[in-house]
Amino acid sequence: DLVQDMGGMFYGCQSLTSLNLSNFKTENVQDMSYMFYGCKSLTSLDLSNFKTEKVQDMREMFRGCNSLQNIYCNDTWTCSRSWEMFLGCTSLQGAVAYDSSKTDAAMANPETGYFTKKGITGVATATTEGDASI
C-alpha cells in the first residue's frame, strides 16, 4: 500500500512471457516509468486493477514491447510525463491500430487508444418489458 515507485520494475526482462499483476497495490504509485521497457516477449497485460491517479511519470513504460498485443484496462490514464510510453509496441491491438507518431499517454485509453476493454464474464441477465400479469 505504501509503494510509490515502480519505475523500471520489469525493465529488460526480455524472456518474460506473462505476469499476474492482479494483486499489485498501485494507488500511491507516482512513478511507473520504464516499468515494462524491453519486455519483448510479453503478449498481453491485464492492468485493469491498476490505480494510476497519482502517477506523475509514465515515460517509456511499455517501450520496446513489440510482441505486446493487448493491454487490458477499462480506464483512461492521464500523465503529463509520458513521452515514448508505447514506442515500438507495433503489435498492439487496442481500440485503434498502432501509430508510431502517437506514443504518449493520450493513447492510454480503451475508447480511442491502445487499451483493450476487459469484458465482463458470466451470464448476462435477460430483461423483459411489459406486464407479465396480462
C-alpha atoms as a PDB file:
ATOM      1  CA  ASP A   1       0.000   0.000   0.000  1.00  0.00           C
ATOM      2  CA  LEU A   2       2.928   2.360   0.589  1.00  0.00           C
ATOM      3  CA  VAL A   3       4.781   1.668  -2.679  1.00  0.00           C
ATOM      4  CA  GLN A   4       5.361   4.915  -4.584  1.00  0.00           C
ATOM      5  CA  ASP A   5       7.969   3.898  -7.167  1.00  0.00           C
ATOM      6  CA  MET A   6       7.599   1.060  -9.672  1.00  0.00           C
ATOM      7  CA  GLY A   7       9.944   2.668 -12.184  1.00  0.00           C
ATOM      8  CA  GLY A   8      11.949   0.063 -14.092  1.00  0.00           C
ATOM      9  CA  MET A   9      10.403  -2.813 -12.143  1.00  0.00           C
ATOM     10  CA  PHE A  10      10.498  -5.306 -15.053  1.00  0.00           C
ATOM     11  CA  TYR A  11      12.993  -3.351 -17.195  1.00  0.00           C
ATOM     12  CA  GLY A  12      14.776  -5.563 -19.693  1.00  0.00           C
ATOM     13  CA  CYS A  13      13.026  -8.815 -18.749  1.00  0.00           C
ATOM     14  CA  GLN A  14      13.239  -9.983 -22.357  1.00  0.00           C
ATOM     15  CA  SER A  15      12.183 -13.594 -21.723  1.00  0.00           C
ATOM     16  CA  LEU A  16       9.186 -12.753 -19.542  1.00  0.00           C
ATOM     17  CA  THR A  17       6.078 -14.111 -21.315  1.00  0.00           C
ATOM     18  CA  SER A  18       3.354 -13.402 -18.725  1.00  0.00           C
ATOM     19  CA  LEU A  19       2.716 -11.561 -15.475  1.00  0.00           C
ATOM     20  CA  ASN A  20      -0.064 -11.736 -12.907  1.00  0.00           C
ATOM     21  CA  LEU A  21      -0.440  -8.178 -11.644  1.00  0.00           C
ATOM     22  CA  SER A  22      -3.947  -8.572 -10.205  1.00  0.00           C
ATOM     23  CA  ASN A  23      -2.778  -8.082  -6.612  1.00  0.00           C
ATOM     24  CA  PHE A  24      -0.485  -5.106  -7.211  1.00  0.00           C
ATOM     25  CA  LYS A  25      -1.390  -2.162  -4.971  1.00  0.00           C
ATOM     26  CA  THR A  26      -0.808   0.934  -7.101  1.00  0.00           C
ATOM     27  CA  GLU A  27      -2.976   3.620  -5.513  1.00  0.00           C
ATOM     28  CA  ASN A  28       0.069   5.506  -4.114  1.00  0.00           C
ATOM     29  CA  VAL A  29       2.470   4.922  -7.009  1.00  0.00           C
ATOM     30  CA  GLN A  30       3.901   8.089  -8.553  1.00  0.00           C
ATOM     31  CA  ASP A  31       6.487   6.600 -10.935  1.00  0.00           C
ATOM     32  CA  MET A  32       5.809   3.859 -13.497  1.00  0.00           C
ATOM     33  CA  SER A  33       8.455   4.975 -15.987  1.00  0.00           C
ATOM     34  CA  TYR A  34      10.311   2.190 -17.797  1.00  0.00           C
ATOM     35  CA  MET A  35       8.208  -0.374 -15.892  1.00  0.00           C
ATOM     36  CA  PHE A  36       7.913  -2.876 -18.781  1.00  0.00           C
ATOM     37  CA  TYR A  37      10.636  -1.394 -21.016  1.00  0.00           C
ATOM     38  CA  GLY A  38      12.150  -4.066 -23.258  1.00  0.00           C
ATOM     39  CA  CYS A  39       9.806  -6.884 -22.230  1.00  0.00           C
ATOM     40  CA  LYS A  40       9.765  -8.062 -25.825  1.00  0.00           C
ATOM     41  CA  SER A  41       8.206 -11.497 -25.112  1.00  0.00           C
ATOM     42  CA  LEU A  42       5.077 -10.235 -23.309  1.00  0.00           C
ATOM     43  CA  THR A  43       1.965 -10.695 -25.449  1.00  0.00           C
ATOM     44  CA  SER A  44      -0.696  -9.348 -23.060  1.00  0.00           C
ATOM     45  CA  LEU A  45      -1.018  -7.494 -19.776  1.00  0.00           C
ATOM     46  CA  ASP A  46      -4.075  -7.174 -17.571  1.00  0.00           C
ATOM     47  CA  LEU A  47      -3.748  -3.792 -15.871  1.00  0.00           C
ATOM     48  CA  SER A  48      -7.461  -3.456 -15.140  1.00  0.00           C
ATOM     49  CA  ASN A  49      -6.779  -3.231 -11.387  1.00  0.00           C
ATOM     50  CA  PHE A  50      -4.121  -0.524 -11.686  1.00  0.00           C
ATOM     51  CA  LYS A  51      -4.952   2.764  -9.976  1.00  0.00           C
ATOM     52  CA  THR A  52      -2.941   5.483 -11.723  1.00  0.00           C
ATOM     53  CA  GLU A  53      -4.448   8.710 -10.387  1.00  0.00           C
ATOM     54  CA  LYS A  54      -1.237   9.665  -8.542  1.00  0.00           C
ATOM     55  CA  VAL A  55       1.228   8.586 -11.242  1.00  0.00           C
ATOM     56  CA  GLN A  56       3.329  11.507 -12.472  1.00  0.00           C
ATOM     57  CA  ASP A  57       5.778   9.640 -14.713  1.00  0.00           C
ATOM     58  CA  MET A  58       4.915   7.019 -17.359  1.00  0.00           C
ATOM     59  CA  ARG A  59       7.829   7.721 -19.703  1.00  0.00           C
ATOM     60  CA  GLU A  60       8.733   4.730 -21.866  1.00  0.00           C
ATOM     61  CA  MET A  61       6.553   2.458 -19.723  1.00  0.00           C
ATOM     62  CA  PHE A  62       5.952  -0.117 -22.494  1.00  0.00           C
ATOM     63  CA  ARG A  63       8.779   0.878 -24.852  1.00  0.00           C
ATOM     64  CA  GLY A  64      10.103  -1.985 -26.943  1.00  0.00           C
ATOM     65  CA  CYS A  65       7.288  -4.404 -26.070  1.00  0.00           C
ATOM     66  CA  ASN A  66       6.974  -5.334 -29.728  1.00  0.00           C
ATOM     67  CA  SER A  67       5.070  -8.604 -29.076  1.00  0.00           C
ATOM     68  CA  LEU A  68       2.519  -6.953 -26.776  1.00  0.00           C
ATOM     69  CA  GLN A  69      -0.898  -7.326 -28.426  1.00  0.00           C
ATOM     70  CA  ASN A  70      -3.320  -6.414 -25.629  1.00  0.00           C
ATOM     71  CA  ILE A  71      -3.225  -4.171 -22.590  1.00  0.00           C
ATOM     72  CA  TYR A  72      -6.477  -4.883 -20.782  1.00  0.00           C
ATOM     73  CA  CYS A  73      -7.775  -1.824 -18.965  1.00  0.00           C
ATOM     74  CA  ASN A  74     -11.199  -0.165 -18.922  1.00  0.00           C
ATOM     75  CA  ASP A  75      -9.875   3.120 -17.517  1.00  0.00           C
ATOM     76  CA  THR A  76      -8.328   6.163 -19.148  1.00  0.00           C
ATOM     77  CA  TRP A  77      -4.906   7.107 -17.793  1.00  0.00           C
ATOM     78  CA  THR A  78      -3.549  10.633 -17.811  1.00  0.00           C
ATOM     79  CA  CYS A  79       0.010  11.717 -17.181  1.00  0.00           C
ATOM     80  CA  SER A  80       1.976  14.752 -18.342  1.00  0.00           C
ATOM     81  CA  ARG A  81       5.333  12.909 -18.347  1.00  0.00           C
ATOM     82  CA  SER A  82       4.600  10.088 -20.771  1.00  0.00           C
ATOM     83  CA  TRP A  83       6.681  10.554 -23.901  1.00  0.00           C
ATOM     84  CA  GLU A  84       7.509   7.370 -25.808  1.00  0.00           C
ATOM     85  CA  MET A  85       5.223   5.394 -23.480  1.00  0.00           C
ATOM     86  CA  PHE A  86       4.215   2.996 -26.288  1.00  0.00           C
ATOM     87  CA  LEU A  87       7.235   3.413 -28.597  1.00  0.00           C
ATOM     88  CA  GLY A  88       7.901   0.219 -30.567  1.00  0.00           C
ATOM     89  CA  CYS A  89       4.680  -1.506 -29.454  1.00  0.00           C
ATOM     90  CA  THR A  90       3.895  -2.359 -33.058  1.00  0.00           C
ATOM     91  CA  SER A  91       1.685  -5.389 -32.297  1.00  0.00           C
ATOM     92  CA  LEU A  92      -0.824  -3.551 -30.064  1.00  0.00           C
ATOM     93  CA  GLN A  93      -4.459  -4.265 -30.976  1.00  0.00           C
ATOM     94  CA  GLY A  94      -6.484  -1.866 -28.869  1.00  0.00           C
ATOM     95  CA  ALA A  95      -9.379   0.365 -29.861  1.00  0.00           C
ATOM     96  CA  VAL A  96      -7.206   1.736 -32.688  1.00  0.00           C
ATOM     97  CA  ALA A  97      -4.263   0.436 -34.680  1.00  0.00           C
ATOM     98  CA  TYR A  98      -0.750   1.315 -33.508  1.00  0.00           C
ATOM     99  CA  ASP A  99       0.569   4.582 -34.911  1.00  0.00           C
ATOM    100  CA  SER A 100       4.274   5.300 -34.340  1.00  0.00           C
ATOM    101  CA  SER A 101       3.555   9.050 -34.233  1.00  0.00           C
ATOM    102  CA  LYS A 102       1.214   8.596 -31.228  1.00  0.00           C
ATOM    103  CA  THR A 103       3.123   7.094 -28.316  1.00  0.00           C
ATOM    104  CA  ASP A 104       2.224   9.078 -25.186  1.00  0.00           C
ATOM    105  CA  ALA A 105      -0.487   8.730 -22.517  1.00  0.00           C
ATOM    106  CA  ALA A 106      -3.092  10.249 -24.831  1.00  0.00           C
ATOM    107  CA  MET A 107      -3.285   6.679 -26.220  1.00  0.00           C
ATOM    108  CA  ALA A 108      -3.728   5.084 -22.760  1.00  0.00           C
ATOM    109  CA  ASN A 109      -7.475   4.544 -23.014  1.00  0.00           C
ATOM    110  CA  PRO A 110      -9.918   1.902 -24.289  1.00  0.00           C
ATOM    111  CA  GLU A 111     -12.041   4.218 -26.487  1.00  0.00           C
ATOM    112  CA  THR A 112      -9.576   5.895 -28.866  1.00  0.00           C
ATOM    113  CA  GLY A 113      -6.286   4.378 -27.736  1.00  0.00           C
ATOM    114  CA  TYR A 114      -4.277   1.208 -27.361  1.00  0.00           C
ATOM    115  CA  PHE A 115      -6.065  -0.314 -24.375  1.00  0.00           C
ATOM    116  CA  THR A 116      -8.481  -3.237 -24.820  1.00  0.00           C
ATOM    117  CA  LYS A 117     -11.629  -3.249 -22.722  1.00  0.00           C
ATOM    118  CA  LYS A 118     -11.848  -6.195 -20.394  1.00  0.00           C
ATOM    119  CA  GLY A 119     -15.203  -7.872 -20.883  1.00  0.00           C
ATOM    120  CA  ILE A 120     -17.455  -8.858 -18.038  1.00  0.00           C
ATOM    121  CA  THR A 121     -17.507 -12.610 -17.622  1.00  0.00           C
ATOM    122  CA  GLY A 122     -20.526 -14.616 -16.644  1.00  0.00           C
ATOM    123  CA  VAL A 123     -24.074 -14.989 -17.901  1.00  0.00           C
ATOM    124  CA  ALA A 124     -25.948 -11.869 -18.925  1.00  0.00           C
ATOM    125  CA  THR A 125     -29.288 -11.379 -17.205  1.00  0.00           C
ATOM    126  CA  ALA A 126     -32.298 -11.378 -19.510  1.00  0.00           C
ATOM    127  CA  THR A 127     -34.611  -8.411 -19.233  1.00  0.00           C
ATOM    128  CA  THR A 128     -38.211  -8.254 -20.331  1.00  0.00           C
ATOM    129  CA  GLU A 129     -40.550  -5.344 -20.744  1.00  0.00           C
ATOM    130  CA  GLY A 130     -44.278  -5.285 -20.253  1.00  0.00           C
ATOM    131  CA  ASP A 131     -46.737  -6.541 -17.737  1.00  0.00           C
ATOM    132  CA  ALA A 132     -46.421 -10.260 -17.036  1.00  0.00           C
ATOM    133  CA  SER A 133     -49.879 -10.357 -15.430  1.00  0.00           C
ATOM    134  CA  ILE A 134     -51.735  -9.838 -18.728  1.00  0.00           C
END
